[in-house]
């Protein structure tokens, strides 16, 4: 019975500290305004390209395909070098 009380005495301050830290982390969110900003013109990171288009989408697609092909090639090379499946 005494062990449970000692555990509770240690656990209560830890939980209290954790709750305080979580509330302190939420303070900037509570300070933000939910209304939209006054800037006009959409996304400032991509002028003239529409909202949310940052960078070069074609390059991103080519890079993803190239990474996939390299991963397949390295996997096949690994399987070839290690002898494939062994029963």
N, C-alpha and C. Protein backbone atom coordinates (compact mmCIF):
# COMPACT_ATOMS: atom_id res chain seq x y z
N UNK A 1 0.82 -1.18 0.00
CA UNK A 1 0.00 0.00 0.00
C UNK A 1 0.87 1.25 0.00
N UNK A 2 1.98 1.22 0.71
CA UNK A 2 2.86 2.36 0.81
C UNK A 2 3.54 2.65 -0.53
N UNK A 3 3.80 1.63 -1.32
CA UNK A 3 4.42 1.82 -2.63
C UNK A 3 3.53 2.60 -3.58
N UNK A 4 2.22 2.38 -3.49
CA UNK A 4 1.28 3.13 -4.33
C UNK A 4 1.25 4.60 -3.98
N UNK A 5 1.37 4.91 -2.71
CA UNK A 5 1.38 6.32 -2.29
C UNK A 5 2.65 7.01 -2.75
N UNK A 6 3.76 6.31 -2.68
CA UNK A 6 5.02 6.90 -3.14
C UNK A 6 4.96 7.16 -4.64
N UNK A 7 4.39 6.23 -5.38
CA UNK A 7 4.24 6.41 -6.82
C UNK A 7 3.35 7.60 -7.12
N UNK A 8 2.27 7.74 -6.37
CA UNK A 8 1.34 8.85 -6.56
C UNK A 8 2.02 10.17 -6.21
N UNK A 9 2.83 10.19 -5.17
CA UNK A 9 3.54 11.41 -4.79
C UNK A 9 4.53 11.84 -5.86
N UNK A 10 5.11 10.90 -6.57
CA UNK A 10 6.05 11.23 -7.64
C UNK A 10 5.31 11.59 -8.93
N UNK A 11 4.18 10.95 -9.16
CA UNK A 11 3.46 11.11 -10.41
C UNK A 11 2.71 12.44 -10.49
N UNK A 12 2.15 12.90 -9.39
CA UNK A 12 1.34 14.13 -9.39
C UNK A 12 2.17 15.34 -9.82
N UNK A 13 3.36 15.59 -9.29
CA UNK A 13 4.13 16.75 -9.76
C UNK A 13 4.56 16.63 -11.23
N UNK A 14 4.87 15.41 -11.66
CA UNK A 14 5.28 15.22 -13.05
C UNK A 14 4.12 15.53 -13.99
N UNK A 15 2.93 15.06 -13.67
CA UNK A 15 1.76 15.34 -14.50
C UNK A 15 1.44 16.83 -14.47
N UNK A 16 1.56 17.45 -13.30
CA UNK A 16 1.33 18.89 -13.20
C UNK A 16 2.32 19.69 -14.04
N UNK A 17 3.57 19.30 -14.02
CA UNK A 17 4.59 19.97 -14.83
C UNK A 17 4.31 19.78 -16.32
N UNK A 18 3.92 18.57 -16.70
CA UNK A 18 3.61 18.31 -18.10
C UNK A 18 2.42 19.14 -18.57
N UNK A 19 1.39 19.25 -17.75
CA UNK A 19 0.21 20.06 -18.11
C UNK A 19 0.59 21.53 -18.24
N UNK A 20 1.42 22.02 -17.32
CA UNK A 20 1.86 23.41 -17.38
C UNK A 20 2.66 23.67 -18.66
N UNK A 21 3.54 22.77 -19.02
CA UNK A 21 4.33 22.93 -20.23
C UNK A 21 3.45 22.91 -21.48
N UNK A 22 2.44 22.03 -21.50
CA UNK A 22 1.53 21.99 -22.65
C UNK A 22 0.74 23.28 -22.77
N UNK A 23 0.28 23.82 -21.65
CA UNK A 23 -0.46 25.09 -21.68
C UNK A 23 0.43 26.24 -22.12
N UNK A 24 1.69 26.23 -21.70
CA UNK A 24 2.61 27.27 -22.12
C UNK A 24 2.90 27.17 -23.62
N UNK A 25 2.94 25.96 -24.15
CA UNK A 25 3.17 25.78 -25.59
C UNK A 25 1.97 26.26 -26.39
N UNK A 26 0.78 26.24 -25.83
CA UNK A 26 -0.42 26.66 -26.55
C UNK A 26 -0.65 28.16 -26.49
N UNK A 27 0.11 28.89 -25.70
CA UNK A 27 -0.10 30.33 -25.55
C UNK A 27 0.01 31.09 -26.87
N UNK A 28 1.00 30.84 -27.74
CA UNK A 28 1.04 31.58 -29.01
C UNK A 28 -0.18 31.31 -29.89
N UNK A 29 -0.72 30.13 -29.82
CA UNK A 29 -1.90 29.81 -30.61
C UNK A 29 -3.10 30.60 -30.11
N UNK A 30 -3.22 30.75 -28.82
CA UNK A 30 -4.31 31.51 -28.26
C UNK A 30 -4.19 33.00 -28.59
N UNK A 31 -2.98 33.47 -28.82
CA UNK A 31 -2.77 34.88 -29.13
C UNK A 31 -3.03 35.20 -30.60
N UNK A 32 -3.07 34.22 -31.48
CA UNK A 32 -3.28 34.45 -32.90
C UNK A 32 -4.72 34.83 -33.17
N UNK A 33 -4.90 35.64 -34.19
CA UNK A 33 -6.24 36.08 -34.56
C UNK A 33 -6.82 35.13 -35.61
N UNK A 34 -8.08 34.74 -35.46
CA UNK A 34 -8.67 33.83 -36.45
C UNK A 34 -9.10 34.53 -37.74
N UNK A 35 -9.07 35.86 -37.75
CA UNK A 35 -9.50 36.57 -38.96
C UNK A 35 -8.39 36.56 -40.01
N UNK A 36 -8.77 36.63 -41.29
CA UNK A 36 -7.75 36.61 -42.36
C UNK A 36 -6.91 37.88 -42.34
N UNK A 37 -5.72 37.77 -42.88
CA UNK A 37 -4.83 38.92 -42.91
C UNK A 37 -5.31 39.93 -43.94
N UNK A 38 -4.79 41.14 -43.89
CA UNK A 38 -5.21 42.20 -44.78
C UNK A 38 -4.52 42.19 -46.13
N UNK A 39 -3.57 41.30 -46.34
CA UNK A 39 -2.85 41.31 -47.61
C UNK A 39 -3.72 40.80 -48.74
N UNK A 40 -3.58 41.41 -49.91
CA UNK A 40 -4.36 41.04 -51.08
C UNK A 40 -3.41 40.50 -52.13
N UNK A 41 -3.82 39.49 -52.86
CA UNK A 41 -2.98 38.99 -53.94
C UNK A 41 -2.65 37.52 -53.83
N UNK A 42 -3.15 36.83 -52.85
CA UNK A 42 -2.92 35.39 -52.76
C UNK A 42 -1.62 35.05 -52.07
N UNK A 43 -1.00 33.99 -52.53
CA UNK A 43 0.21 33.45 -51.92
C UNK A 43 1.42 34.29 -52.30
N UNK A 44 2.11 34.91 -51.35
CA UNK A 44 3.26 35.75 -51.70
C UNK A 44 4.48 34.96 -52.16
N UNK A 45 4.47 33.65 -51.98
CA UNK A 45 5.64 32.86 -52.39
C UNK A 45 5.64 32.55 -53.87
N UNK A 46 4.50 32.72 -54.55
CA UNK A 46 4.43 32.37 -55.98
C UNK A 46 3.70 33.46 -56.75
N UNK A 47 4.35 34.56 -57.03
CA UNK A 47 3.67 35.65 -57.72
C UNK A 47 3.32 35.27 -59.16
N UNK A 48 2.05 35.41 -59.51
CA UNK A 48 1.62 35.17 -60.88
C UNK A 48 1.39 33.72 -61.25
N UNK A 49 1.66 32.78 -60.39
CA UNK A 49 1.50 31.37 -60.74
C UNK A 49 0.27 30.75 -60.11
N UNK A 50 -0.50 31.50 -59.40
CA UNK A 50 -1.67 30.93 -58.74
C UNK A 50 -1.36 30.57 -57.31
N UNK A 51 -2.37 30.24 -56.55
CA UNK A 51 -2.15 29.96 -55.13
C UNK A 51 -1.46 28.62 -54.89
N UNK A 52 -0.43 28.64 -54.10
CA UNK A 52 0.20 27.42 -53.64
C UNK A 52 1.21 26.78 -54.56
N UNK A 53 1.45 27.33 -55.74
CA UNK A 53 2.45 26.74 -56.64
C UNK A 53 3.80 27.36 -56.33
N UNK A 54 4.62 26.62 -55.61
CA UNK A 54 5.94 27.11 -55.24
C UNK A 54 6.96 26.21 -55.90
N UNK A 55 7.89 26.78 -56.62
CA UNK A 55 8.93 25.99 -57.27
C UNK A 55 8.50 25.51 -58.63
N UNK A 56 9.09 24.41 -59.08
CA UNK A 56 8.83 23.86 -60.40
C UNK A 56 8.20 22.48 -60.24
N UNK A 57 6.89 22.34 -60.48
CA UNK A 57 6.23 21.04 -60.28
C UNK A 57 6.77 19.95 -61.20
N UNK A 58 7.15 20.29 -62.43
CA UNK A 58 7.67 19.28 -63.36
C UNK A 58 8.97 18.69 -62.84
N UNK A 59 9.84 19.53 -62.31
CA UNK A 59 11.10 19.05 -61.74
C UNK A 59 10.83 18.12 -60.55
N UNK A 60 9.85 18.47 -59.74
CA UNK A 60 9.53 17.64 -58.58
C UNK A 60 9.04 16.26 -59.02
N UNK A 61 8.21 16.21 -60.06
CA UNK A 61 7.72 14.92 -60.55
C UNK A 61 8.86 14.08 -61.10
N UNK A 62 9.74 14.71 -61.89
CA UNK A 62 10.89 13.99 -62.46
C UNK A 62 11.80 13.49 -61.34
N UNK A 63 12.01 14.30 -60.31
CA UNK A 63 12.87 13.89 -59.20
C UNK A 63 12.28 12.69 -58.46
N UNK A 64 10.97 12.67 -58.25
CA UNK A 64 10.33 11.55 -57.55
C UNK A 64 10.45 10.28 -58.38
N UNK A 65 10.23 10.38 -59.68
CA UNK A 65 10.35 9.20 -60.55
C UNK A 65 11.79 8.71 -60.56
N UNK A 66 12.75 9.63 -60.62
CA UNK A 66 14.16 9.23 -60.62
C UNK A 66 14.54 8.53 -59.31
N UNK A 67 14.07 9.05 -58.20
CA UNK A 67 14.35 8.40 -56.91
C UNK A 67 13.76 7.00 -56.88
N UNK A 68 12.56 6.83 -57.41
CA UNK A 68 11.93 5.51 -57.47
C UNK A 68 12.73 4.54 -58.32
N UNK A 69 13.19 5.00 -59.48
CA UNK A 69 13.98 4.13 -60.35
C UNK A 69 15.31 3.74 -59.72
N UNK A 70 15.95 4.69 -59.04
CA UNK A 70 17.21 4.37 -58.34
C UNK A 70 16.96 3.36 -57.23
N UNK A 71 15.85 3.51 -56.51
CA UNK A 71 15.53 2.57 -55.43
C UNK A 71 15.30 1.17 -55.99
N UNK A 72 14.58 1.07 -57.12
CA UNK A 72 14.35 -0.24 -57.74
C UNK A 72 15.67 -0.85 -58.20
N UNK A 73 16.51 -0.05 -58.82
CA UNK A 73 17.79 -0.56 -59.32
C UNK A 73 18.67 -1.04 -58.16
N UNK A 74 18.73 -0.28 -57.09
CA UNK A 74 19.55 -0.70 -55.95
C UNK A 74 18.98 -1.95 -55.27
N UNK A 75 17.66 -2.07 -55.25
CA UNK A 75 17.05 -3.27 -54.67
C UNK A 75 17.38 -4.49 -55.50
N UNK A 76 17.25 -4.36 -56.80
CA UNK A 76 17.58 -5.49 -57.68
C UNK A 76 19.05 -5.86 -57.59
N UNK A 77 19.93 -4.86 -57.50
CA UNK A 77 21.35 -5.13 -57.34
C UNK A 77 21.64 -5.85 -56.03
N UNK A 78 20.98 -5.43 -54.96
CA UNK A 78 21.17 -6.08 -53.66
C UNK A 78 20.71 -7.53 -53.71
N UNK A 79 19.56 -7.77 -54.33
CA UNK A 79 19.05 -9.14 -54.43
C UNK A 79 20.00 -9.99 -55.26
N UNK A 80 20.52 -9.43 -56.35
CA UNK A 80 21.45 -10.16 -57.21
C UNK A 80 22.73 -10.49 -56.47
N UNK A 81 23.26 -9.53 -55.70
CA UNK A 81 24.53 -9.74 -55.00
C UNK A 81 24.39 -10.69 -53.81
N UNK A 82 23.24 -10.71 -53.17
CA UNK A 82 23.08 -11.56 -51.99
C UNK A 82 22.51 -12.92 -52.32
N UNK A 83 22.20 -13.19 -53.56
CA UNK A 83 21.76 -14.51 -53.95
C UNK A 83 20.26 -14.71 -53.94
N UNK A 84 19.49 -13.67 -53.73
CA UNK A 84 18.03 -13.79 -53.78
C UNK A 84 17.49 -14.56 -52.60
N UNK A 85 16.35 -15.20 -52.83
CA UNK A 85 15.69 -15.96 -51.76
C UNK A 85 16.41 -17.28 -51.53
N UNK A 86 16.47 -17.63 -50.28
CA UNK A 86 17.04 -18.94 -49.92
C UNK A 86 16.00 -19.69 -49.16
N UNK A 87 15.75 -20.91 -49.55
CA UNK A 87 14.72 -21.72 -48.89
C UNK A 87 15.26 -22.47 -47.72
